[in-house]
C-alpha atoms as a PDB file:
ATOM      1  CA  MET A   1     -93.816  -4.816  -0.184  1.00  0.00           C
ATOM      2  CA  VAL A   2     -91.129  -3.233   2.044  1.00  0.00           C
ATOM      3  CA  ALA A   3     -93.432  -0.567   3.349  1.00  0.00           C
ATOM      4  CA  LYS A   4     -96.149  -3.301   3.996  1.00  0.00           C
ATOM      5  CA  LEU A   5     -93.724  -5.717   5.881  1.00  0.00           C
ATOM      6  CA  SER A   6     -91.699  -2.989   7.893  1.00  0.00           C
ATOM      7  CA  GLN A   7     -92.924  -1.772  11.288  1.00  0.00           C
ATOM      8  CA  PRO A   8     -91.539   0.923  13.511  1.00  0.00           C
ATOM      9  CA  GLY A   9     -88.380  -0.324  15.233  1.00  0.00           C
ATOM     10  CA  ARG A  10     -88.104  -3.343  12.978  1.00  0.00           C
ATOM     11  CA  THR A  11     -85.253  -4.015  10.463  1.00  0.00           C
ATOM     12  CA  LEU A  12     -85.938  -6.477   7.788  1.00  0.00           C
ATOM     13  CA  LYS A  13     -83.278  -8.720   6.326  1.00  0.00           C
ATOM     14  CA  PHE A  14     -83.234  -9.523   2.744  1.00  0.00           C
ATOM     15  CA  CYS A  15     -80.989 -11.742   0.547  1.00  0.00           C
ATOM     16  CA  TYR A  16     -80.619 -12.818  -3.120  1.00  0.00           C
ATOM     17  CA  GLU A  17     -78.462 -14.589  -5.353  1.00  0.00           C
ATOM     18  CA  ALA A  18     -75.804 -12.669  -7.288  1.00  0.00           C
ATOM     19  CA  GLY A  19     -76.902 -12.522 -10.853  1.00  0.00           C
ATOM     20  CA  PRO A  20     -78.195 -10.146 -13.584  1.00  0.00           C
ATOM     21  CA  CYS A  21     -79.980  -8.028 -10.979  1.00  0.00           C
ATOM     22  CA  GLY A  22     -76.650  -6.619  -9.990  1.00  0.00           C
ATOM     23  CA  TYR A  23     -76.322  -4.512  -6.762  1.00  0.00           C
ATOM     24  CA  GLY A  24     -79.253  -2.112  -7.472  1.00  0.00           C
ATOM     25  CA  ILE A  25     -81.691  -4.050  -5.352  1.00  0.00           C
ATOM     26  CA  GLN A  26     -79.178  -4.221  -2.430  1.00  0.00           C
ATOM     27  CA  ARG A  27     -78.484  -0.458  -2.646  1.00  0.00           C
ATOM     28  CA  GLN A  28     -82.170   0.321  -2.872  1.00  0.00           C
ATOM     29  CA  LEU A  29     -83.078  -1.662   0.179  1.00  0.00           C
ATOM     30  CA  SER A  30     -80.018  -0.493   2.203  1.00  0.00           C
ATOM     31  CA  ASP A  31     -81.100   3.051   1.504  1.00  0.00           C
ATOM     32  CA  ALA A  32     -84.418   2.269   2.968  1.00  0.00           C
ATOM     33  CA  GLY A  33     -82.786   1.319   6.170  1.00  0.00           C
ATOM     34  CA  HIS A  34     -82.968  -2.463   5.856  1.00  0.00           C
ATOM     35  CA  ASP A  35     -80.306  -5.200   5.788  1.00  0.00           C
ATOM     36  CA  CYS A  36     -79.681  -6.681   2.465  1.00  0.00           C
ATOM     37  CA  VAL A  37     -76.847  -9.267   1.376  1.00  0.00           C
ATOM     38  CA  VAL A  38     -76.042 -10.660  -2.035  1.00  0.00           C
ATOM     39  CA  VAL A  39     -75.236 -14.201  -1.818  1.00  0.00           C
ATOM     40  CA  ALA A  40     -72.495 -16.193  -3.761  1.00  0.00           C
ATOM     41  CA  PRO A  41     -74.528 -18.866  -5.670  1.00  0.00           C
ATOM     42  CA  SER A  42     -71.636 -21.317  -5.813  1.00  0.00           C
ATOM     43  CA  LEU A  43     -71.431 -21.319  -1.920  1.00  0.00           C
ATOM     44  CA  ILE A  44     -75.212 -22.061  -1.311  1.00  0.00           C
ATOM     45  CA  PRO A  45     -75.631 -25.427   0.471  1.00  0.00           C
ATOM     46  CA  ARG A  46     -77.612 -27.769  -1.618  1.00  0.00           C
ATOM     47  CA  LYS A  47     -78.850 -31.354  -0.961  1.00  0.00           C
ATOM     48  CA  PRO A  48     -77.451 -33.910  -3.418  1.00  0.00           C
ATOM     49  CA  GLY A  49     -80.859 -35.722  -3.644  1.00  0.00           C
ATOM     50  CA  ASP A  50     -82.932 -32.699  -4.203  1.00  0.00           C
ATOM     51  CA  ARG A  51     -84.298 -32.715  -7.774  1.00  0.00           C
ATOM     52  CA  ILE A  52     -87.046 -30.243  -7.626  1.00  0.00           C
ATOM     53  CA  LYS A  53     -86.426 -26.579  -8.181  1.00  0.00           C
ATOM     54  CA  THR A  54     -89.066 -23.730  -8.151  1.00  0.00           C
ATOM     55  CA  ASP A  55     -88.913 -20.198  -7.124  1.00  0.00           C
ATOM     56  CA  ARG A  56     -90.907 -20.659  -4.026  1.00  0.00           C
ATOM     57  CA  ARG A  57     -88.667 -23.497  -2.920  1.00  0.00           C
ATOM     58  CA  ASP A  58     -85.543 -21.364  -3.697  1.00  0.00           C
ATOM     59  CA  ALA A  59     -86.885 -18.472  -1.706  1.00  0.00           C
ATOM     60  CA  SER A  60     -87.806 -20.519   1.200  1.00  0.00           C
ATOM     61  CA  ASN A  61     -84.424 -22.293   1.311  1.00  0.00           C
ATOM     62  CA  LEU A  62     -82.567 -19.026   1.030  1.00  0.00           C
ATOM     63  CA  ALA A  63     -84.647 -17.566   3.928  1.00  0.00           C
ATOM     64  CA  ARG A  64     -83.774 -20.560   6.231  1.00  0.00           C
ATOM     65  CA  LEU A  65     -80.121 -20.725   5.326  1.00  0.00           C
ATOM     66  CA  HIS A  66     -79.938 -16.928   5.844  1.00  0.00           C
ATOM     67  CA  ARG A  67     -81.717 -17.117   9.202  1.00  0.00           C
ATOM     68  CA  ALA A  68     -79.187 -19.953  10.184  1.00  0.00           C
ATOM     69  CA  GLY A  69     -76.226 -17.786   9.009  1.00  0.00           C
ATOM     70  CA  GLU A  70     -75.128 -20.446   6.385  1.00  0.00           C
ATOM     71  CA  LEU A  71     -74.896 -18.069   3.492  1.00  0.00           C
ATOM     72  CA  SER A  72     -71.758 -16.473   2.260  1.00  0.00           C
ATOM     73  CA  ALA A  73     -72.109 -12.783   1.266  1.00  0.00           C
ATOM     74  CA  VAL A  74     -70.225 -11.164  -1.542  1.00  0.00           C
ATOM     75  CA  TRP A  75     -68.348  -8.054  -1.229  1.00  0.00           C
ATOM     76  CA  ILE A  76     -70.568  -4.972  -2.420  1.00  0.00           C
ATOM     77  CA  PRO A  77     -68.647  -2.271  -4.287  1.00  0.00           C
ATOM     78  CA  ASP A  78     -69.660   1.270  -4.466  1.00  0.00           C
ATOM     79  CA  THR A  79     -70.979   2.685  -7.776  1.00  0.00           C
ATOM     80  CA  ALA A  80     -67.521   4.300  -8.619  1.00  0.00           C
ATOM     81  CA  HIS A  81     -65.782   1.057  -8.145  1.00  0.00           C
ATOM     82  CA  GLU A  82     -68.452  -0.867 -10.188  1.00  0.00           C
ATOM     83  CA  ALA A  83     -68.012   1.712 -13.046  1.00  0.00           C
ATOM     84  CA  MET A  84     -64.251   1.089 -13.054  1.00  0.00           C
ATOM     85  CA  ARG A  85     -64.764  -2.591 -13.056  1.00  0.00           C
ATOM     86  CA  ASP A  86     -67.146  -2.326 -16.055  1.00  0.00           C
ATOM     87  CA  LEU A  87     -64.483  -0.337 -17.893  1.00  0.00           C
ATOM     88  CA  VAL A  88     -61.869  -3.007 -17.155  1.00  0.00           C
ATOM     89  CA  ARG A  89     -64.117  -5.763 -18.259  1.00  0.00           C
ATOM     90  CA  ALA A  90     -64.855  -3.862 -21.414  1.00  0.00           C
ATOM     91  CA  ARG A  91     -61.156  -3.851 -22.177  1.00  0.00           C
ATOM     92  CA  LEU A  92     -60.939  -7.592 -21.510  1.00  0.00           C
ATOM     93  CA  ALA A  93     -63.827  -8.102 -23.979  1.00  0.00           C
ATOM     94  CA  ALA A  94     -61.898  -6.160 -26.495  1.00  0.00           C
ATOM     95  CA  VAL A  95     -58.846  -8.218 -25.970  1.00  0.00           C
ATOM     96  CA  ARG A  96     -60.710 -11.419 -26.468  1.00  0.00           C
ATOM     97  CA  SER A  97     -62.301 -10.113 -29.680  1.00  0.00           C
ATOM     98  CA  LEU A  98     -58.881  -8.999 -30.941  1.00  0.00           C
ATOM     99  CA  ARG A  99     -57.444 -12.502 -30.252  1.00  0.00           C
ATOM    100  CA  GLN A 100     -60.369 -14.242 -31.966  1.00  0.00           C
ATOM    101  CA  ALA A 101     -59.944 -12.083 -34.958  1.00  0.00           C
ATOM    102  CA  ARG A 102     -56.230 -12.833 -35.194  1.00  0.00           C
ATOM    103  CA  GLN A 103     -56.893 -16.559 -34.969  1.00  0.00           C
ATOM    104  CA  GLN A 104     -59.532 -16.447 -37.744  1.00  0.00           C
ATOM    105  CA  LEU A 105     -56.963 -14.716 -40.019  1.00  0.00           C
ATOM    106  CA  SER A 106     -54.235 -17.013 -39.148  1.00  0.00           C
ATOM    107  CA  GLY A 107     -56.635 -19.997 -39.883  1.00  0.00           C
ATOM    108  CA  PHE A 108     -57.652 -18.531 -43.083  1.00  0.00           C
ATOM    109  CA  LEU A 109     -54.153 -17.969 -44.233  1.00  0.00           C
ATOM    110  CA  LEU A 110     -53.116 -21.630 -43.046  1.00  0.00           C
ATOM    111  CA  ARG A 111     -55.902 -23.045 -45.273  1.00  0.00           C
ATOM    112  CA  HIS A 112     -54.367 -21.410 -48.300  1.00  0.00           C
ATOM    113  CA  GLY A 113     -50.792 -22.515 -47.512  1.00  0.00           C
ATOM    114  CA  PHE A 114     -49.520 -19.082 -46.104  1.00  0.00           C
ATOM    115  CA  HIS A 115     -47.309 -19.171 -43.035  1.00  0.00           C
ATOM    116  CA  TYR A 116     -45.400 -16.156 -41.472  1.00  0.00           C
ATOM    117  CA  SER A 117     -42.445 -17.488 -39.688  1.00  0.00           C
ATOM    118  CA  ARG A 118     -41.331 -14.227 -37.983  1.00  0.00           C
ATOM    119  CA  PRO A 119     -43.006 -12.524 -35.056  1.00  0.00           C
ATOM    120  CA  ALA A 120     -46.523 -11.788 -36.149  1.00  0.00           C
ATOM    121  CA  TRP A 121     -48.717  -8.605 -35.752  1.00  0.00           C
ATOM    122  CA  THR A 122     -45.984  -6.045 -36.454  1.00  0.00           C
ATOM    123  CA  GLN A 123     -45.481  -3.658 -39.295  1.00  0.00           C
ATOM    124  CA  MET A 124     -43.444  -6.219 -41.238  1.00  0.00           C
ATOM    125  CA  HIS A 125     -46.185  -8.650 -40.934  1.00  0.00           C
ATOM    126  CA  ARG A 126     -48.765  -6.223 -42.048  1.00  0.00           C
ATOM    127  CA  ARG A 127     -46.738  -5.534 -45.148  1.00  0.00           C
ATOM    128  CA  TRP A 128     -46.324  -9.203 -45.868  1.00  0.00           C
ATOM    129  CA  LEU A 129     -50.189  -9.509 -45.682  1.00  0.00           C
ATOM    130  CA  ALA A 130     -50.364  -6.824 -48.205  1.00  0.00           C
ATOM    131  CA  GLY A 131     -48.096  -8.736 -50.716  1.00  0.00           C
ATOM    132  CA  LEU A 132     -50.233 -11.969 -50.621  1.00  0.00           C
ATOM    133  CA  CYS A 133     -51.671 -13.312 -53.846  1.00  0.00           C
ATOM    134  CA  PHE A 134     -54.582 -15.621 -54.164  1.00  0.00           C
ATOM    135  CA  GLU A 135     -56.036 -17.340 -57.210  1.00  0.00           C
ATOM    136  CA  GLN A 136     -59.601 -16.428 -56.407  1.00  0.00           C
ATOM    137  CA  PRO A 137     -60.134 -12.677 -56.409  1.00  0.00           C
ATOM    138  CA  ILE A 138     -62.848 -13.180 -53.595  1.00  0.00           C
ATOM    139  CA  HIS A 139     -60.249 -14.428 -51.246  1.00  0.00           C
ATOM    140  CA  HIS A 140     -58.545 -10.811 -51.376  1.00  0.00           C
ATOM    141  CA  ILE A 141     -61.968  -9.396 -50.130  1.00  0.00           C
ATOM    142  CA  VAL A 142     -61.925 -11.856 -47.254  1.00  0.00           C
ATOM    143  CA  LEU A 143     -58.328 -11.043 -46.428  1.00  0.00           C
ATOM    144  CA  GLU A 144     -59.087  -7.313 -46.380  1.00  0.00           C
ATOM    145  CA  ASP A 145     -62.067  -7.811 -44.116  1.00  0.00           C
ATOM    146  CA  HIS A 146     -60.071  -9.857 -41.631  1.00  0.00           C
ATOM    147  CA  ILE A 147     -57.333  -7.141 -41.603  1.00  0.00           C
ATOM    148  CA  ALA A 148     -60.124  -4.335 -41.031  1.00  0.00           C
ATOM    149  CA  THR A 149     -61.780  -6.332 -38.152  1.00  0.00           C
ATOM    150  CA  ILE A 150     -58.261  -6.793 -36.492  1.00  0.00           C
ATOM    151  CA  GLU A 151     -57.559  -2.970 -36.875  1.00  0.00           C
ATOM    152  CA  ALA A 152     -60.824  -2.090 -35.467  1.00  0.00           C
ATOM    153  CA  ALA A 153     -60.397  -4.514 -32.296  1.00  0.00           C
ATOM    154  CA  THR A 154     -56.900  -3.093 -31.838  1.00  0.00           C
ATOM    155  CA  ASP A 155     -58.297   0.510 -31.910  1.00  0.00           C
ATOM    156  CA  ARG A 156     -60.851  -0.466 -29.409  1.00  0.00           C
ATOM    157  CA  ARG A 157     -58.416  -2.127 -27.112  1.00  0.00           C
ATOM    158  CA  ASP A 158     -56.083   0.914 -27.203  1.00  0.00           C
ATOM    159  CA  ARG A 159     -58.819   3.234 -26.638  1.00  0.00           C
ATOM    160  CA  LEU A 160     -60.196   1.412 -23.614  1.00  0.00           C
ATOM    161  CA  THR A 161     -56.756   1.047 -22.272  1.00  0.00           C
ATOM    162  CA  LYS A 162     -56.122   4.829 -22.560  1.00  0.00           C
ATOM    163  CA  GLN A 163     -59.469   5.501 -20.768  1.00  0.00           C
ATOM    164  CA  ILE A 164     -58.306   3.268 -17.852  1.00  0.00           C
ATOM    165  CA  GLU A 165     -55.121   5.456 -17.488  1.00  0.00           C
ATOM    166  CA  ILE A 166     -57.236   8.632 -17.575  1.00  0.00           C
ATOM    167  CA  MET A 167     -59.899   7.479 -15.058  1.00  0.00           C
ATOM    168  CA  LEU A 168     -57.524   5.945 -12.549  1.00  0.00           C
ATOM    169  CA  PRO A 169     -56.447   9.035 -10.585  1.00  0.00           C
ATOM    170  CA  ASP A 170     -60.061   9.755  -9.584  1.00  0.00           C
ATOM    171  CA  TRP A 171     -60.533   6.172  -8.270  1.00  0.00           C
ATOM    172  CA  SER A 172     -60.638   5.520  -4.633  1.00  0.00           C
ATOM    173  CA  LEU A 173     -58.370   2.439  -4.921  1.00  0.00           C
ATOM    174  CA  ALA A 174     -55.778   4.273  -7.239  1.00  0.00           C
ATOM    175  CA  PRO A 175     -53.099   4.205  -4.371  1.00  0.00           C
ATOM    176  CA  VAL A 176     -53.284   0.323  -4.233  1.00  0.00           C
ATOM    177  CA  VAL A 177     -52.977   0.088  -8.027  1.00  0.00           C
ATOM    178  CA  LEU A 178     -49.877   2.329  -8.012  1.00  0.00           C
ATOM    179  CA  ALA A 179     -48.356   0.360  -5.182  1.00  0.00           C
ATOM    180  CA  LEU A 180     -48.861  -3.103  -6.850  1.00  0.00           C
ATOM    181  CA  GLN A 181     -46.963  -1.682  -9.899  1.00  0.00           C
ATOM    182  CA  SER A 182     -43.801  -1.917  -7.872  1.00  0.00           C
ATOM    183  CA  LEU A 183     -44.052  -5.753  -8.178  1.00  0.00           C
ATOM    184  CA  ARG A 184     -42.481  -7.334 -11.124  1.00  0.00           C
ATOM    185  CA  GLY A 185     -45.011  -8.324 -13.971  1.00  0.00           C
ATOM    186  CA  MET A 186     -47.613  -5.843 -12.587  1.00  0.00           C
ATOM    187  CA  ALA A 187     -48.033  -3.309 -15.361  1.00  0.00           C
ATOM    188  CA  LEU A 188     -50.790  -0.553 -14.888  1.00  0.00           C
ATOM    189  CA  VAL A 189     -53.544  -2.601 -16.687  1.00  0.00           C
ATOM    190  CA  THR A 190     -52.721  -5.823 -14.939  1.00  0.00           C
ATOM    191  CA  ALA A 191     -52.851  -4.176 -11.595  1.00  0.00           C
ATOM    192  CA  ALA A 192     -55.931  -2.114 -12.357  1.00  0.00           C
ATOM    193  CA  THR A 193     -57.741  -5.216 -13.582  1.00  0.00           C
ATOM    194  CA  MET A 194     -56.905  -7.307 -10.536  1.00  0.00           C
ATOM    195  CA  ILE A 195     -57.957  -4.585  -8.055  1.00  0.00           C
ATOM    196  CA  ALA A 196     -61.102  -3.878 -10.140  1.00  0.00           C
ATOM    197  CA  GLU A 197     -62.078  -7.631  -9.911  1.00  0.00           C
ATOM    198  CA  LEU A 198     -61.075  -8.150  -6.255  1.00  0.00           C
ATOM    199  CA  GLY A 199     -62.031  -4.822  -4.721  1.00  0.00           C
ATOM    200  CA  ASP A 200     -60.635  -3.957  -1.242  1.00  0.00           C
ATOM    201  CA  ILE A 201     -57.982  -6.575  -0.506  1.00  0.00           C
ATOM    202  CA  SER A 202     -57.415  -5.379   2.895  1.00  0.00           C
ATOM    203  CA  ARG A 203     -60.812  -7.046   3.906  1.00  0.00           C
ATOM    204  CA  PHE A 204     -58.873 -10.287   3.835  1.00  0.00           C
ATOM    205  CA  THR A 205     -57.516 -10.859   7.373  1.00  0.00           C
ATOM    206  CA  ASN A 206     -54.600 -12.871   6.110  1.00  0.00           C
ATOM    207  CA  PRO A 207     -52.998 -13.824   2.705  1.00  0.00           C
ATOM    208  CA  ARG A 208     -54.156 -17.531   3.021  1.00  0.00           C
ATOM    209  CA  GLN A 209     -57.632 -16.166   2.649  1.00  0.00           C
ATOM    210  CA  LEU A 210     -56.838 -14.362  -0.471  1.00  0.00           C
ATOM    211  CA  MET A 211     -55.091 -17.501  -1.878  1.00  0.00           C
ATOM    212  CA  ALA A 212     -58.216 -19.572  -1.140  1.00  0.00           C
ATOM    213  CA  TYR A 213     -60.516 -16.916  -2.537  1.00  0.00           C
ATOM    214  CA  LEU A 214     -58.445 -16.843  -5.849  1.00  0.00           C
ATOM    215  CA  GLY A 215     -58.517 -20.674  -6.087  1.00  0.00           C
ATOM    216  CA  LEU A 216     -54.926 -21.107  -6.035  1.00  0.00           C
ATOM    217  CA  VAL A 217     -54.756 -23.598  -3.050  1.00  0.00           C
ATOM    218  CA  PRO A 218     -54.670 -27.249  -3.760  1.00  0.00           C
ATOM    219  CA  SER A 219     -57.809 -29.269  -3.595  1.00  0.00           C
ATOM    220  CA  GLU A 220     -57.668 -32.058  -0.905  1.00  0.00           C
ATOM    221  CA  HIS A 221     -59.624 -35.322  -0.214  1.00  0.00           C
ATOM    222  CA  SER A 222     -58.353 -36.792   2.921  1.00  0.00           C
ATOM    223  CA  SER A 223     -59.795 -39.311   5.248  1.00  0.00           C
ATOM    224  CA  GLY A 224     -58.382 -40.895   8.471  1.00  0.00           C
ATOM    225  CA  GLY A 225     -54.538 -40.945   8.219  1.00  0.00           C
ATOM    226  CA  THR A 226     -54.473 -40.596   4.542  1.00  0.00           C
ATOM    227  CA  ARG A 227     -53.941 -37.122   2.936  1.00  0.00           C
ATOM    228  CA  ARG A 228     -54.592 -36.597  -0.726  1.00  0.00           C
ATOM    229  CA  GLN A 229     -54.109 -33.328  -2.446  1.00  0.00           C
ATOM    230  CA  GLY A 230     -54.999 -32.562  -6.084  1.00  0.00           C
ATOM    231  CA  GLY A 231     -54.902 -29.583  -8.503  1.00  0.00           C
ATOM    232  CA  ILE A 232     -55.893 -26.059  -7.426  1.00  0.00           C
ATOM    233  CA  THR A 233     -59.485 -25.614  -6.700  1.00  0.00           C
ATOM    234  CA  LYS A 234     -59.958 -22.712  -9.319  1.00  0.00           C
ATOM    235  CA  ALA A 235     -62.689 -21.150  -7.257  1.00  0.00           C
ATOM    236  CA  GLY A 236     -63.187 -17.467  -6.849  1.00  0.00           C
ATOM    237  CA  ASN A 237     -62.478 -14.833  -9.515  1.00  0.00           C
ATOM    238  CA  THR A 238     -61.085 -16.260 -12.817  1.00  0.00           C
ATOM    239  CA  THR A 239     -59.789 -12.963 -14.227  1.00  0.00           C
ATOM    240  CA  ALA A 240     -57.849 -12.063 -10.985  1.00  0.00           C
ATOM    241  CA  ARG A 241     -56.284 -15.475 -10.975  1.00  0.00           C
ATOM    242  CA  ARG A 242     -55.287 -15.314 -14.622  1.00  0.00           C
ATOM    243  CA  MET A 243     -53.595 -11.955 -14.010  1.00  0.00           C
ATOM    244  CA  LEU A 244     -51.590 -13.378 -11.138  1.00  0.00           C
ATOM    245  CA  ILE A 245     -50.461 -16.314 -13.210  1.00  0.00           C
ATOM    246  CA  GLU A 246     -49.617 -14.082 -16.229  1.00  0.00           C
ATOM    247  CA  ALA A 247     -47.419 -11.934 -13.827  1.00  0.00           C
ATOM    248  CA  ALA A 248     -45.793 -15.040 -12.425  1.00  0.00           C
ATOM    249  CA  TRP A 249     -44.162 -15.821 -15.708  1.00  0.00           C
ATOM    250  CA  SER A 250     -41.908 -12.856 -15.483  1.00  0.00           C
ATOM    251  CA  TYR A 251     -40.114 -14.384 -12.283  1.00  0.00           C
ATOM    252  CA  ARG A 252     -38.424 -17.038 -14.525  1.00  0.00           C
ATOM    253  CA  PHE A 253     -35.675 -14.517 -15.214  1.00  0.00           C
ATOM    254  CA  PRO A 254     -33.067 -13.432 -12.563  1.00  0.00           C
ATOM    255  CA  ALA A 255     -34.049 -10.810  -9.978  1.00  0.00           C
ATOM    256  CA  LYS A 256     -33.386  -7.421 -11.310  1.00  0.00           C
ATOM    257  CA  ILE A 257     -35.164  -4.099 -11.110  1.00  0.00           C
ATOM    258  CA  SER A 258     -35.681  -2.821 -14.714  1.00  0.00           C
ATOM    259  CA  ARG A 259     -35.832   0.881 -15.818  1.00  0.00           C
ATOM    260  CA  GLU A 260     -39.638   0.703 -16.242  1.00  0.00           C
ATOM    261  CA  GLN A 261     -40.022  -0.775 -12.748  1.00  0.00           C
ATOM    262  CA  LEU A 262     -37.722   1.796 -11.260  1.00  0.00           C
ATOM    263  CA  LEU A 263     -39.758   4.616 -12.638  1.00  0.00           C
ATOM    264  CA  ARG A 264     -42.896   3.070 -11.278  1.00  0.00           C
ATOM    265  CA  GLN A 265     -41.320   2.892  -7.795  1.00  0.00           C
ATOM    266  CA  GLU A 266     -40.009   6.417  -7.551  1.00  0.00           C
ATOM    267  CA  GLN A 267     -42.830   8.007  -5.895  1.00  0.00           C
ATOM    268  CA  LEU A 268     -43.739   4.947  -3.554  1.00  0.00           C
ATOM    269  CA  PRO A 269     -42.757   4.508   0.113  1.00  0.00           C
ATOM    270  CA  LYS A 270     -39.517   2.722   0.979  1.00  0.00           C
ATOM    271  CA  ALA A 271     -41.532  -0.119   2.814  1.00  0.00           C
ATOM    272  CA  ILE A 272     -43.442  -0.958  -0.282  1.00  0.00           C
ATOM    273  CA  ARG A 273     -40.290  -0.948  -2.436  1.00  0.00           C
ATOM    274  CA  ASP A 274     -38.513  -3.212  -0.031  1.00  0.00           C
ATOM    275  CA  THR A 275     -41.563  -5.726  -0.076  1.00  0.00           C
ATOM    276  CA  ALA A 276     -41.473  -5.765  -3.789  1.00  0.00           C
ATOM    277  CA  TRP A 277     -37.706  -6.426  -3.844  1.00  0.00           C
ATOM    278  CA  LYS A 278     -38.181  -9.170  -1.217  1.00  0.00           C
ATOM    279  CA  ALA A 279     -40.921 -10.707  -3.385  1.00  0.00           C
ATOM    280  CA  GLN A 280     -38.652 -10.638  -6.499  1.00  0.00           C
ATOM    281  CA  VAL A 281     -35.581 -12.193  -4.723  1.00  0.00           C
ATOM    282  CA  ARG A 282     -37.674 -14.913  -3.318  1.00  0.00           C
ATOM    283  CA  LEU A 283     -39.919 -15.650  -6.167  1.00  0.00           C
ATOM    284  CA  CYS A 284     -37.053 -15.756  -8.797  1.00  0.00           C
ATOM    285  CA  SER A 285     -35.146 -18.098  -6.566  1.00  0.00           C
ATOM    286  CA  ARG A 286     -38.280 -20.379  -5.925  1.00  0.00           C
ATOM    287  CA  TYR A 287     -38.882 -20.475  -9.631  1.00  0.00           C
ATOM    288  CA  ARG A 288     -35.453 -21.694 -10.480  1.00  0.00           C
ATOM    289  CA  LYS A 289     -35.500 -24.242  -7.512  1.00  0.00           C
ATOM    290  CA  LEU A 290     -38.831 -25.743  -8.619  1.00  0.00           C
ATOM    291  CA  THR A 291     -37.692 -26.042 -12.203  1.00  0.00           C
ATOM    292  CA  LYS A 292     -34.515 -27.798 -11.360  1.00  0.00           C
ATOM    293  CA  ALA A 293     -36.644 -30.255  -9.393  1.00  0.00           C
ATOM    294  CA  GLY A 294     -38.174 -31.208 -12.652  1.00  0.00           C
ATOM    295  CA  LYS A 295     -41.644 -29.618 -11.870  1.00  0.00           C
ATOM    296  CA  PRO A 296     -43.882 -28.896 -15.108  1.00  0.00           C
ATOM    297  CA  ALA A 297     -43.802 -25.250 -16.106  1.00  0.00           C
ATOM    298  CA  THR A 298     -47.383 -24.778 -15.444  1.00  0.00           C
ATOM    299  CA  THR A 299     -47.160 -26.213 -11.939  1.00  0.00           C
ATOM    300  CA  VAL A 300     -44.208 -24.048 -11.243  1.00  0.00           C
ATOM    301  CA  THR A 301     -46.032 -20.827 -12.412  1.00  0.00           C
ATOM    302  CA  THR A 302     -49.122 -21.663 -10.397  1.00  0.00           C
ATOM    303  CA  ALA A 303     -47.035 -22.150  -7.159  1.00  0.00           C
ATOM    304  CA  ILE A 304     -45.282 -18.737  -7.976  1.00  0.00           C
ATOM    305  CA  ALA A 305     -48.676 -17.113  -8.608  1.00  0.00           C
ATOM    306  CA  ARG A 306     -49.897 -18.382  -5.252  1.00  0.00           C
ATOM    307  CA  GLU A 307     -46.908 -16.906  -3.328  1.00  0.00           C
ATOM    308  CA  LEU A 308     -47.227 -13.732  -5.300  1.00  0.00           C
ATOM    309  CA  SER A 309     -50.735 -13.241  -4.070  1.00  0.00           C
ATOM    310  CA  GLY A 310     -49.348 -13.037  -0.628  1.00  0.00           C
ATOM    311  CA  PHE A 311     -47.132 -10.132  -1.505  1.00  0.00           C
ATOM    312  CA  VAL A 312     -49.984  -8.547  -3.283  1.00  0.00           C
ATOM    313  CA  TRP A 313     -51.902  -8.663  -0.047  1.00  0.00           C
ATOM    314  CA  ALA A 314     -48.959  -7.312   1.931  1.00  0.00           C
ATOM    315  CA  ILE A 315     -48.627  -4.326  -0.238  1.00  0.00           C
ATOM    316  CA  ALA A 316     -52.406  -3.584  -0.795  1.00  0.00           C
ATOM    317  CA  CYS A 317     -52.710  -3.577   3.101  1.00  0.00           C
ATOM    318  CA  GLN A 318     -49.932  -0.942   3.255  1.00  0.00           C
ATOM    319  CA  ALA A 319     -51.353   1.287   0.393  1.00  0.00           C
ATOM    320  CA  SER A 320     -55.118   0.867   1.213  1.00  0.00           C
ATOM    321  CA  PRO A 321     -56.663   4.247   2.066  1.00  0.00           C
ATOM    322  CA  ARG A 322     -57.904   3.981   5.723  1.00  0.00           C
END
């Protein structure tokens, strides 16, 4: 079809919605010398009263919007970046499977009147599980099956975590991941997951664009002289936003450079270390101030995550390979 439509000196323009096709079509058309963009489905303008949906109508609508410049293209990663993102997402799937298996075991024990009051999923907890006694012998088989499922999920998670550490030095964005570890709450897996999901953060011209992309800015419904703001928009990448919010919880403690953080910062430039310390002083103080004002913990953490994304942008721009 491309050979039939193309003519000497003419460049064709293609677009399609992001979905199960991935980026293979885009790369194939780009290698053929044509322009192809992958469109964000959530940002396609749609008429509220349009109730007819067919492939032909969708294609015509996309062509008109693309010609008018009304479509928002997503960032296209290279094959190496996409492979690293698949590895990170595989680990996230393993974490979800482990959490689900633990919840199933806890629910099974709770139904039979067993409750462990100490910190769970430790060696002591495992020994406590081995000493449980049930009236029905079948329940021992169910217990051992739950334990085997948890151990298998734990091994899978640890194995994928190790693979991320092994593959990281060969990644083009490895300097950004190492630089982000200077921030409090940004361990290797957290930083690698966020960069794998966001890609090249330096493509955002200012930190406000990154905050809006992550969905950490408040929604708004204003008219005339009245301004109404609601909860955060929750747009953009959910995984990256969750990583930021998890990292924001660590700023409830006083500003301090721990031993682990000091080891991560030893090989980093002074400018990045200074930015990380500036972020820690500001965000820890901000957390205490908002808490004393009576703000809910979730609201405080979201506000800290929004400001933390600004420091993430600043460090990523300093460490991004040019």
